[in-house]
Amino acid sequence: MKIAIYSRGLDSEMGNPILILLDELARYETEVYIYRPLIETMHIPGHLSEKMIPFNGSQDLNEEIDCLISLGGDGTMLDAVTMVRDYGIPILGINFGRLGFLASISRDELTSAVEALINRTFVVDKRTLMHLDSNEPLFGDAPFALNEFAIHKRDTSPMIKIHTYLNGEFLNTYWADGLIVATPTGSTGYNMSCNGPILFPESASFVITPVAPHNLNVRSIIVPDNNIISFEVEGRADMFICALDARREIVSKSVQLAVRKEQFCVNLVRLNENSFLSTLRTKLTWGLDKRN
């Protein structure tokens, strides 16, 4: 089995969980690919590192890799998505961050997660991605997002007007600080923080949520994900922020933007007992009211 390991790096107070992971994988004589910066920053001993294959990015990965293990939080998982792209490599997230909706497997489950990988007793969830089209080159060769696309005003600039269209038909003009278009996966992220609804992963929808709208009657709207959602931005400032997940670019208000469902999906690994509902209950402490 071929396993890739990716992480942005972990706090020193967490110890060195990569060594634990490598020891577990070594028990099964697994071929290990590791993100090159981790070899030095995590002080991996030479007798272990010499047996591993370092990689620098997506160009060093291929469809033959059975799984990519992401060590960190949800931000690390979003980075991992840009690594695997359309290769179809399943991503397993071990949560060393805070909330962890994407990286939902706790660090205490690391050993059992490796056993599940080796024995292939895991579940793969296909998650929809979102693709950004624009008349200017944005986000290099990775113009896609797992969580959301967002338009936002810059810093202390006045609110902006975002004219929004569904398949070319006018939907609404949002007078707001910004606008979020989230996938079902991203509905528990920035969208939820702005009072947007939570969508089930298989709901085949996008949710459009304004950020601090100036009109009290403006609410989130859920649309089928076969729509093309396009935008025109007005504002006193000449530039605004365009974001895909944790990546952002400053663009001119003259840019033309549209989002649609990406042609490929990303595969997320979960253990059999970790369903979407159980993740919601755990992360949002649902059902733990002391009055019950």
C-alpha atoms as a PDB file:
ATOM      1  CA  MET A   1       0.000   0.000   0.000  1.00  0.00           C
ATOM      2  CA  LYS A   2       1.158   3.530  -0.826  1.00  0.00           C
ATOM      3  CA  ILE A   3       0.397   6.265   1.715  1.00  0.00           C
ATOM      4  CA  ALA A   4       1.189   9.992   1.466  1.00  0.00           C
ATOM      5  CA  ILE A   5       1.506  12.209   4.557  1.00  0.00           C
ATOM      6  CA  TYR A   6       0.851  15.950   4.495  1.00  0.00           C
ATOM      7  CA  SER A   7       0.857  18.595   7.219  1.00  0.00           C
ATOM      8  CA  ARG A   8       1.541  22.295   7.574  1.00  0.00           C
ATOM      9  CA  GLY A   9       3.463  21.464  10.728  1.00  0.00           C
ATOM     10  CA  LEU A  10       2.297  20.823  14.284  1.00  0.00           C
ATOM     11  CA  ASP A  11       2.820  22.625  17.588  1.00  0.00           C
ATOM     12  CA  SER A  12       5.775  21.376  19.615  1.00  0.00           C
ATOM     13  CA  GLU A  13       3.514  20.773  22.610  1.00  0.00           C
ATOM     14  CA  MET A  14       1.780  18.025  20.617  1.00  0.00           C
ATOM     15  CA  GLY A  15       4.988  16.017  20.544  1.00  0.00           C
ATOM     16  CA  ASN A  16       5.851  14.304  17.292  1.00  0.00           C
ATOM     17  CA  PRO A  17       2.791  12.321  16.174  1.00  0.00           C
ATOM     18  CA  ILE A  18       4.359  11.778  12.752  1.00  0.00           C
ATOM     19  CA  LEU A  19       6.834   9.379  14.378  1.00  0.00           C
ATOM     20  CA  ILE A  20       3.937   7.419  15.871  1.00  0.00           C
ATOM     21  CA  LEU A  21       2.253   7.350  12.477  1.00  0.00           C
ATOM     22  CA  LEU A  22       5.425   6.242  10.708  1.00  0.00           C
ATOM     23  CA  ASP A  23       5.971   3.451  13.245  1.00  0.00           C
ATOM     24  CA  GLU A  24       2.417   2.226  12.678  1.00  0.00           C
ATOM     25  CA  LEU A  25       2.825   2.294   8.892  1.00  0.00           C
ATOM     26  CA  ALA A  26       6.211   0.538   9.153  1.00  0.00           C
ATOM     27  CA  ARG A  27       4.512  -2.401  10.871  1.00  0.00           C
ATOM     28  CA  TYR A  28       2.644  -3.062   7.636  1.00  0.00           C
ATOM     29  CA  GLU A  29       5.621  -2.380   5.345  1.00  0.00           C
ATOM     30  CA  THR A  30       3.798   0.527   3.734  1.00  0.00           C
ATOM     31  CA  GLU A  31       5.433   2.646   1.035  1.00  0.00           C
ATOM     32  CA  VAL A  32       5.366   6.184   2.447  1.00  0.00           C
ATOM     33  CA  TYR A  33       5.405   9.502   0.580  1.00  0.00           C
ATOM     34  CA  ILE A  34       5.985  12.480   2.865  1.00  0.00           C
ATOM     35  CA  TYR A  35       5.720  16.238   2.335  1.00  0.00           C
ATOM     36  CA  ARG A  36       9.355  17.331   2.077  1.00  0.00           C
ATOM     37  CA  PRO A  37       9.264  20.247   4.616  1.00  0.00           C
ATOM     38  CA  LEU A  38       8.083  17.822   7.314  1.00  0.00           C
ATOM     39  CA  ILE A  39      11.295  15.802   7.186  1.00  0.00           C
ATOM     40  CA  GLU A  40      13.268  18.715   8.648  1.00  0.00           C
ATOM     41  CA  THR A  41      10.672  20.597  10.696  1.00  0.00           C
ATOM     42  CA  MET A  42       9.428  17.487  12.525  1.00  0.00           C
ATOM     43  CA  HIS A  43      12.975  16.100  13.038  1.00  0.00           C
ATOM     44  CA  ILE A  44      12.342  12.701  11.515  1.00  0.00           C
ATOM     45  CA  PRO A  45      15.303  10.359  12.205  1.00  0.00           C
ATOM     46  CA  GLY A  46      17.463   9.397   9.253  1.00  0.00           C
ATOM     47  CA  HIS A  47      16.725   5.674   9.501  1.00  0.00           C
ATOM     48  CA  LEU A  48      13.054   6.489   8.894  1.00  0.00           C
ATOM     49  CA  SER A  49      13.357   9.370   6.417  1.00  0.00           C
ATOM     50  CA  GLU A  50      15.701   7.452   4.115  1.00  0.00           C
ATOM     51  CA  LYS A  51      12.980   4.887   3.520  1.00  0.00           C
ATOM     52  CA  MET A  52      10.428   7.531   2.531  1.00  0.00           C
ATOM     53  CA  ILE A  53       9.771   9.276  -0.770  1.00  0.00           C
ATOM     54  CA  PRO A  54       9.602  13.076  -0.371  1.00  0.00           C
ATOM     55  CA  PHE A  55       7.123  15.096  -2.415  1.00  0.00           C
ATOM     56  CA  ASN A  56       6.825  18.855  -2.905  1.00  0.00           C
ATOM     57  CA  GLY A  57       3.327  19.165  -4.290  1.00  0.00           C
ATOM     58  CA  SER A  58       0.611  17.716  -6.477  1.00  0.00           C
ATOM     59  CA  GLN A  59       3.018  17.220  -9.376  1.00  0.00           C
ATOM     60  CA  ASP A  60       4.789  14.499  -7.366  1.00  0.00           C
ATOM     61  CA  LEU A  61       1.599  12.530  -6.626  1.00  0.00           C
ATOM     62  CA  ASN A  62      -0.375  10.158  -8.848  1.00  0.00           C
ATOM     63  CA  GLU A  63      -3.381   7.841  -8.932  1.00  0.00           C
ATOM     64  CA  GLU A  64      -1.346   4.904  -7.585  1.00  0.00           C
ATOM     65  CA  ILE A  65      -1.331   6.371  -4.059  1.00  0.00           C
ATOM     66  CA  ASP A  66      -3.979   4.662  -1.945  1.00  0.00           C
ATOM     67  CA  CYS A  67      -4.522   7.458   0.573  1.00  0.00           C
ATOM     68  CA  LEU A  68      -3.202  10.840   1.695  1.00  0.00           C
ATOM     69  CA  ILE A  69      -3.181  11.369   5.463  1.00  0.00           C
ATOM     70  CA  SER A  70      -3.642  14.990   6.533  1.00  0.00           C
ATOM     71  CA  LEU A  71      -2.328  15.869  10.011  1.00  0.00           C
ATOM     72  CA  GLY A  72      -3.747  19.140  11.310  1.00  0.00           C
ATOM     73  CA  GLY A  73      -7.073  20.936  11.235  1.00  0.00           C
ATOM     74  CA  ASP A  74      -9.615  21.715   8.556  1.00  0.00           C
ATOM     75  CA  GLY A  75      -7.270  24.247   6.940  1.00  0.00           C
ATOM     76  CA  THR A  76      -4.727  21.492   6.411  1.00  0.00           C
ATOM     77  CA  MET A  77      -7.438  19.349   4.815  1.00  0.00           C
ATOM     78  CA  LEU A  78      -8.254  22.177   2.402  1.00  0.00           C
ATOM     79  CA  ASP A  79      -4.573  22.322   1.449  1.00  0.00           C
ATOM     80  CA  ALA A  80      -4.634  18.565   0.899  1.00  0.00           C
ATOM     81  CA  VAL A  81      -7.516  18.934  -1.568  1.00  0.00           C
ATOM     82  CA  THR A  82      -5.331  21.151  -3.774  1.00  0.00           C
ATOM     83  CA  MET A  83      -2.657  18.440  -3.563  1.00  0.00           C
ATOM     84  CA  VAL A  84      -4.795  15.504  -4.726  1.00  0.00           C
ATOM     85  CA  ARG A  85      -6.793  17.502  -7.323  1.00  0.00           C
ATOM     86  CA  ASP A  86      -8.531  15.116  -9.718  1.00  0.00           C
ATOM     87  CA  TYR A  87      -6.308  12.112  -8.953  1.00  0.00           C
ATOM     88  CA  GLY A  88      -9.065  10.496  -6.894  1.00  0.00           C
ATOM     89  CA  ILE A  89      -6.714   9.899  -3.925  1.00  0.00           C
ATOM     90  CA  PRO A  90      -8.814   9.509  -0.737  1.00  0.00           C
ATOM     91  CA  ILE A  91      -7.934  11.933   2.072  1.00  0.00           C
ATOM     92  CA  LEU A  92      -7.954  10.877   5.708  1.00  0.00           C
ATOM     93  CA  GLY A  93      -7.863  13.777   8.178  1.00  0.00           C
ATOM     94  CA  ILE A  94      -6.439  13.375  11.681  1.00  0.00           C
ATOM     95  CA  ASN A  95      -7.560  16.378  13.719  1.00  0.00           C
ATOM     96  CA  PHE A  96      -4.818  18.288  15.537  1.00  0.00           C
ATOM     97  CA  GLY A  97      -6.691  21.579  15.167  1.00  0.00           C
ATOM     98  CA  ARG A  98      -9.752  22.909  16.959  1.00  0.00           C
ATOM     99  CA  LEU A  99     -13.284  22.221  15.684  1.00  0.00           C
ATOM    100  CA  GLY A 100     -12.472  19.765  12.909  1.00  0.00           C
ATOM    101  CA  PHE A 101     -15.534  19.138  10.724  1.00  0.00           C
ATOM    102  CA  LEU A 102     -13.382  17.838   7.852  1.00  0.00           C
ATOM    103  CA  ALA A 103     -10.551  16.332   9.889  1.00  0.00           C
ATOM    104  CA  SER A 104     -13.046  14.554  12.115  1.00  0.00           C
ATOM    105  CA  ILE A 105     -10.830  11.666  13.301  1.00  0.00           C
ATOM    106  CA  SER A 106      -9.219  12.493  16.639  1.00  0.00           C
ATOM    107  CA  ARG A 107      -5.521  12.057  17.341  1.00  0.00           C
ATOM    108  CA  ASP A 108      -6.419   9.292  19.817  1.00  0.00           C
ATOM    109  CA  GLU A 109      -7.807   7.266  16.904  1.00  0.00           C
ATOM    110  CA  LEU A 110      -4.579   7.401  14.890  1.00  0.00           C
ATOM    111  CA  THR A 111      -3.694   3.749  15.424  1.00  0.00           C
ATOM    112  CA  SER A 112      -7.191   2.482  14.635  1.00  0.00           C
ATOM    113  CA  ALA A 113      -7.309   4.747  11.570  1.00  0.00           C
ATOM    114  CA  VAL A 114      -4.138   3.145  10.197  1.00  0.00           C
ATOM    115  CA  GLU A 115      -5.569  -0.326  10.839  1.00  0.00           C
ATOM    116  CA  ALA A 116      -8.739   0.673   8.995  1.00  0.00           C
ATOM    117  CA  LEU A 117      -6.670   1.851   6.036  1.00  0.00           C
ATOM    118  CA  ILE A 118      -4.626  -1.328   5.864  1.00  0.00           C
ATOM    119  CA  ASN A 119      -7.665  -3.567   6.247  1.00  0.00           C
ATOM    120  CA  ARG A 120      -9.748  -1.278   4.009  1.00  0.00           C
ATOM    121  CA  THR A 121     -12.531  -1.171   6.606  1.00  0.00           C
ATOM    122  CA  PHE A 122     -13.318   2.487   6.033  1.00  0.00           C
ATOM    123  CA  VAL A 123     -15.961   4.492   4.193  1.00  0.00           C
ATOM    124  CA  VAL A 124     -15.224   6.936   1.361  1.00  0.00           C
ATOM    125  CA  ASP A 125     -17.522   9.940   1.038  1.00  0.00           C
ATOM    126  CA  LYS A 126     -17.563  11.771  -2.282  1.00  0.00           C
ATOM    127  CA  ARG A 127     -17.757  15.524  -1.745  1.00  0.00           C
ATOM    128  CA  THR A 128     -18.719  18.126  -4.328  1.00  0.00           C
ATOM    129  CA  LEU A 129     -16.212  20.794  -5.316  1.00  0.00           C
ATOM    130  CA  MET A 130     -16.876  24.256  -6.710  1.00  0.00           C
ATOM    131  CA  HIS A 131     -15.106  25.696  -9.783  1.00  0.00           C
ATOM    132  CA  LEU A 132     -14.410  29.385 -10.370  1.00  0.00           C
ATOM    133  CA  ASP A 133     -14.474  30.856 -13.877  1.00  0.00           C
ATOM    134  CA  SER A 134     -13.221  34.404 -14.481  1.00  0.00           C
ATOM    135  CA  ASN A 135     -12.041  36.600 -17.311  1.00  0.00           C
ATOM    136  CA  GLU A 136      -8.731  37.062 -15.477  1.00  0.00           C
ATOM    137  CA  PRO A 137      -6.365  34.270 -14.355  1.00  0.00           C
ATOM    138  CA  LEU A 138      -7.093  33.638 -10.676  1.00  0.00           C
ATOM    139  CA  PHE A 139      -5.784  30.993  -8.263  1.00  0.00           C
ATOM    140  CA  GLY A 140      -3.319  29.519 -10.714  1.00  0.00           C
ATOM    141  CA  ASP A 141      -4.005  25.942 -11.736  1.00  0.00           C
ATOM    142  CA  ALA A 142      -6.301  25.238  -8.761  1.00  0.00           C
ATOM    143  CA  PRO A 143      -9.432  27.376  -9.305  1.00  0.00           C
ATOM    144  CA  PHE A 144     -11.595  25.047  -7.220  1.00  0.00           C
ATOM    145  CA  ALA A 145     -12.780  24.860  -3.627  1.00  0.00           C
ATOM    146  CA  LEU A 146     -14.182  22.241  -1.275  1.00  0.00           C
ATOM    147  CA  ASN A 147     -15.812  24.663   1.166  1.00  0.00           C
ATOM    148  CA  GLU A 148     -16.768  27.957  -0.406  1.00  0.00           C
ATOM    149  CA  PHE A 149     -16.275  30.816  -2.802  1.00  0.00           C
ATOM    150  CA  ALA A 150     -16.527  34.262  -1.231  1.00  0.00           C
ATOM    151  CA  ILE A 151     -16.576  37.886  -2.323  1.00  0.00           C
ATOM    152  CA  HIS A 152     -15.685  40.383   0.389  1.00  0.00           C
ATOM    153  CA  LYS A 153     -14.937  44.071   0.703  1.00  0.00           C
ATOM    154  CA  ARG A 154     -11.418  45.080   1.667  1.00  0.00           C
ATOM    155  CA  ASP A 155     -10.619  46.005   5.275  1.00  0.00           C
ATOM    156  CA  THR A 156     -12.375  49.292   6.187  1.00  0.00           C
ATOM    157  CA  SER A 157     -13.778  50.065   2.720  1.00  0.00           C
ATOM    158  CA  PRO A 158     -17.561  50.698   2.451  1.00  0.00           C
ATOM    159  CA  MET A 159     -19.963  47.848   1.740  1.00  0.00           C
ATOM    160  CA  ILE A 160     -20.241  46.612  -1.822  1.00  0.00           C
ATOM    161  CA  LYS A 161     -23.133  45.776  -4.153  1.00  0.00           C
ATOM    162  CA  ILE A 162     -23.036  42.261  -5.571  1.00  0.00           C
ATOM    163  CA  HIS A 163     -25.394  41.667  -8.501  1.00  0.00           C
ATOM    164  CA  THR A 164     -26.034  37.913  -8.574  1.00  0.00           C
ATOM    165  CA  TYR A 165     -27.445  35.793 -11.403  1.00  0.00           C
ATOM    166  CA  LEU A 166     -28.545  32.156 -11.753  1.00  0.00           C
ATOM    167  CA  ASN A 167     -27.894  30.816 -15.242  1.00  0.00           C
ATOM    168  CA  GLY A 168     -27.962  34.394 -16.494  1.00  0.00           C
ATOM    169  CA  GLU A 169     -31.261  35.306 -14.812  1.00  0.00           C
ATOM    170  CA  PHE A 170     -31.090  38.051 -12.198  1.00  0.00           C
ATOM    171  CA  LEU A 171     -31.477  36.786  -8.612  1.00  0.00           C
ATOM    172  CA  ASN A 172     -30.704  39.697  -6.299  1.00  0.00           C
ATOM    173  CA  THR A 173     -28.400  42.606  -5.568  1.00  0.00           C
ATOM    174  CA  TYR A 174     -26.752  42.122  -2.196  1.00  0.00           C
ATOM    175  CA  TRP A 175     -25.783  45.325  -0.363  1.00  0.00           C
ATOM    176  CA  ALA A 176     -23.383  43.757   2.112  1.00  0.00           C
ATOM    177  CA  ASP A 177     -19.824  43.303   3.322  1.00  0.00           C
ATOM    178  CA  GLY A 178     -19.647  40.205   1.150  1.00  0.00           C
ATOM    179  CA  LEU A 179     -21.288  37.096  -0.209  1.00  0.00           C
ATOM    180  CA  ILE A 180     -20.608  33.385   0.325  1.00  0.00           C
ATOM    181  CA  VAL A 181     -21.456  30.520  -2.010  1.00  0.00           C
ATOM    182  CA  ALA A 182     -20.874  27.306  -0.058  1.00  0.00           C
ATOM    183  CA  THR A 183     -20.944  23.640  -0.964  1.00  0.00           C
ATOM    184  CA  PRO A 184     -22.705  21.213   1.411  1.00  0.00           C
ATOM    185  CA  THR A 185     -19.281  20.458   2.914  1.00  0.00           C
ATOM    186  CA  GLY A 186     -18.605  24.178   3.392  1.00  0.00           C
ATOM    187  CA  SER A 187     -22.028  24.848   4.895  1.00  0.00           C
ATOM    188  CA  THR A 188     -20.565  24.096   8.354  1.00  0.00           C
ATOM    189  CA  GLY A 189     -17.773  26.670   7.855  1.00  0.00           C
ATOM    190  CA  TYR A 190     -17.918  30.388   7.041  1.00  0.00           C
ATOM    191  CA  ASN A 191     -21.530  29.961   5.891  1.00  0.00           C
ATOM    192  CA  MET A 192     -22.630  28.664   9.310  1.00  0.00           C
ATOM    193  CA  SER A 193     -20.781  31.515  11.040  1.00  0.00           C
ATOM    194  CA  CYS A 194     -22.930  33.931   9.015  1.00  0.00           C
ATOM    195  CA  ASN A 195     -26.158  32.161  10.096  1.00  0.00           C
ATOM    196  CA  GLY A 196     -26.427  30.120   6.912  1.00  0.00           C
ATOM    197  CA  PRO A 197     -28.120  26.687   7.005  1.00  0.00           C
ATOM    198  CA  ILE A 198     -26.284  23.375   7.349  1.00  0.00           C
ATOM    199  CA  LEU A 199     -26.625  21.101   4.315  1.00  0.00           C
ATOM    200  CA  PHE A 200     -26.181  17.341   4.240  1.00  0.00           C
ATOM    201  CA  PRO A 201     -23.216  16.298   2.056  1.00  0.00           C
ATOM    202  CA  GLU A 202     -25.428  14.451  -0.435  1.00  0.00           C
ATOM    203  CA  SER A 203     -27.927  17.321  -0.883  1.00  0.00           C
ATOM    204  CA  ALA A 204     -26.581  18.346  -4.350  1.00  0.00           C
ATOM    205  CA  SER A 205     -27.009  22.040  -3.581  1.00  0.00           C
ATOM    206  CA  PHE A 206     -25.153  25.295  -3.084  1.00  0.00           C
ATOM    207  CA  VAL A 207     -26.119  27.824  -0.423  1.00  0.00           C
ATOM    208  CA  ILE A 208     -25.778  31.575  -1.058  1.00  0.00           C
ATOM    209  CA  THR A 209     -25.343  33.558   2.158  1.00  0.00           C
ATOM    210  CA  PRO A 210     -24.732  37.327   2.487  1.00  0.00           C
ATOM    211  CA  VAL A 211     -22.168  38.671   4.947  1.00  0.00           C
ATOM    212  CA  ALA A 212     -23.592  41.489   7.089  1.00  0.00           C
ATOM    213  CA  PRO A 213     -26.340  42.491   4.621  1.00  0.00           C
ATOM    214  CA  HIS A 214     -27.813  45.985   4.836  1.00  0.00           C
ATOM    215  CA  ASN A 215     -31.380  44.715   4.273  1.00  0.00           C
ATOM    216  CA  LEU A 216     -33.214  42.863   7.029  1.00  0.00           C
ATOM    217  CA  ASN A 217     -35.248  40.820   4.546  1.00  0.00           C
ATOM    218  CA  VAL A 218     -32.184  39.255   2.886  1.00  0.00           C
ATOM    219  CA  ARG A 219     -31.589  35.652   3.907  1.00  0.00           C
ATOM    220  CA  SER A 220     -29.647  32.625   2.685  1.00  0.00           C
ATOM    221  CA  ILE A 221     -30.996  30.772  -0.322  1.00  0.00           C
ATOM    222  CA  ILE A 222     -30.328  27.162  -1.335  1.00  0.00           C
ATOM    223  CA  VAL A 223     -30.045  26.431  -5.064  1.00  0.00           C
ATOM    224  CA  PRO A 224     -29.410  23.198  -7.016  1.00  0.00           C
ATOM    225  CA  ASP A 225     -25.727  22.720  -7.801  1.00  0.00           C
ATOM    226  CA  ASN A 226     -26.388  22.438 -11.535  1.00  0.00           C
ATOM    227  CA  ASN A 227     -26.784  26.229 -11.625  1.00  0.00           C
ATOM    228  CA  ILE A 228     -24.068  28.592 -12.826  1.00  0.00           C
ATOM    229  CA  ILE A 229     -23.922  31.503 -10.383  1.00  0.00           C
ATOM    230  CA  SER A 230     -22.377  34.696 -11.766  1.00  0.00           C
ATOM    231  CA  PHE A 231     -21.589  38.056 -10.199  1.00  0.00           C
ATOM    232  CA  GLU A 232     -21.009  41.726 -10.949  1.00  0.00           C
ATOM    233  CA  VAL A 233     -19.542  43.857  -8.193  1.00  0.00           C
ATOM    234  CA  GLU A 234     -20.011  47.583  -7.595  1.00  0.00           C
ATOM    235  CA  GLY A 235     -18.502  49.748  -4.884  1.00  0.00           C
ATOM    236  CA  ARG A 236     -16.697  52.942  -4.049  1.00  0.00           C
ATOM    237  CA  ALA A 237     -13.432  51.036  -3.757  1.00  0.00           C
ATOM    238  CA  ASP A 238     -11.819  49.778  -6.965  1.00  0.00           C
ATOM    239  CA  MET A 239     -10.713  46.429  -5.514  1.00  0.00           C
ATOM    240  CA  PHE A 240     -12.288  43.671  -3.474  1.00  0.00           C
ATOM    241  CA  ILE A 241     -11.334  40.245  -2.057  1.00  0.00           C
ATOM    242  CA  CYS A 242     -12.071  37.052  -3.952  1.00  0.00           C
ATOM    243  CA  ALA A 243     -11.556  33.844  -1.930  1.00  0.00           C
ATOM    244  CA  LEU A 244     -11.579  30.103  -2.527  1.00  0.00           C
ATOM    245  CA  ASP A 245     -11.483  28.287   0.790  1.00  0.00           C
ATOM    246  CA  ALA A 246      -8.440  29.670   2.651  1.00  0.00           C
ATOM    247  CA  ARG A 247      -6.862  31.203  -0.477  1.00  0.00           C
ATOM    248  CA  ARG A 248      -7.570  34.769  -1.480  1.00  0.00           C
ATOM    249  CA  GLU A 249      -6.724  37.294  -4.155  1.00  0.00           C
ATOM    250  CA  ILE A 250      -7.318  41.021  -4.503  1.00  0.00           C
ATOM    251  CA  VAL A 251      -9.139  41.722  -7.764  1.00  0.00           C
ATOM    252  CA  SER A 252     -10.602  44.671  -9.636  1.00  0.00           C
ATOM    253  CA  LYS A 253     -14.345  45.278  -9.502  1.00  0.00           C
ATOM    254  CA  SER A 254     -14.360  45.037 -13.299  1.00  0.00           C
ATOM    255  CA  VAL A 255     -13.571  41.307 -13.173  1.00  0.00           C
ATOM    256  CA  GLN A 256     -16.254  38.865 -14.307  1.00  0.00           C
ATOM    257  CA  LEU A 257     -16.814  35.910 -11.961  1.00  0.00           C
ATOM    258  CA  ALA A 258     -18.944  32.774 -12.043  1.00  0.00           C
ATOM    259  CA  VAL A 259     -18.995  29.568 -10.014  1.00  0.00           C
ATOM    260  CA  ARG A 260     -20.286  26.145 -10.962  1.00  0.00           C
ATOM    261  CA  LYS A 261     -20.001  22.535  -9.838  1.00  0.00           C
ATOM    262  CA  GLU A 262     -16.544  21.112 -10.515  1.00  0.00           C
ATOM    263  CA  GLN A 263     -16.304  18.180 -12.903  1.00  0.00           C
ATOM    264  CA  PHE A 264     -14.564  15.972 -10.327  1.00  0.00           C
ATOM    265  CA  CYS A 265     -15.172  15.211  -6.654  1.00  0.00           C
ATOM    266  CA  VAL A 266     -12.860  14.736  -3.705  1.00  0.00           C
ATOM    267  CA  ASN A 267     -12.892  11.506  -1.666  1.00  0.00           C
ATOM    268  CA  LEU A 268     -12.871  11.889   2.123  1.00  0.00           C
ATOM    269  CA  VAL A 269     -12.163   8.884   4.341  1.00  0.00           C
ATOM    270  CA  ARG A 270     -14.127   8.307   7.520  1.00  0.00           C
ATOM    271  CA  LEU A 271     -14.245   5.443   9.959  1.00  0.00           C
ATOM    272  CA  ASN A 272     -17.455   3.444   9.902  1.00  0.00           C
ATOM    273  CA  GLU A 273     -18.737   4.871  13.177  1.00  0.00           C
ATOM    274  CA  ASN A 274     -18.095   8.518  12.254  1.00  0.00           C
ATOM    275  CA  SER A 275     -21.251   9.545  10.389  1.00  0.00           C
ATOM    276  CA  PHE A 276     -22.154  13.126   9.447  1.00  0.00           C
ATOM    277  CA  LEU A 277     -24.803  13.201  12.163  1.00  0.00           C
ATOM    278  CA  SER A 278     -22.377  11.995  14.829  1.00  0.00           C
ATOM    279  CA  THR A 279     -19.906  14.675  13.737  1.00  0.00           C
ATOM    280  CA  LEU A 280     -22.589  17.362  14.070  1.00  0.00           C
ATOM    281  CA  ARG A 281     -23.558  16.130  17.530  1.00  0.00           C
ATOM    282  CA  THR A 282     -19.942  16.002  18.674  1.00  0.00           C
ATOM    283  CA  LYS A 283     -18.706  19.294  17.207  1.00  0.00           C
ATOM    284  CA  LEU A 284     -21.824  21.361  17.965  1.00  0.00           C
ATOM    285  CA  THR A 285     -22.597  19.596  21.289  1.00  0.00           C
ATOM    286  CA  TRP A 286     -26.142  18.821  20.142  1.00  0.00           C
ATOM    287  CA  GLY A 287     -28.106  16.656  22.545  1.00  0.00           C
ATOM    288  CA  LEU A 288     -25.906  17.618  25.505  1.00  0.00           C
ATOM    289  CA  ASP A 289     -28.306  20.142  27.063  1.00  0.00           C
ATOM    290  CA  LYS A 290     -28.006  19.795  30.836  1.00  0.00           C
ATOM    291  CA  ARG A 291     -31.791  19.973  31.107  1.00  0.00           C
ATOM    292  CA  ASN A 292     -32.095  16.565  29.411  1.00  0.00           C
END
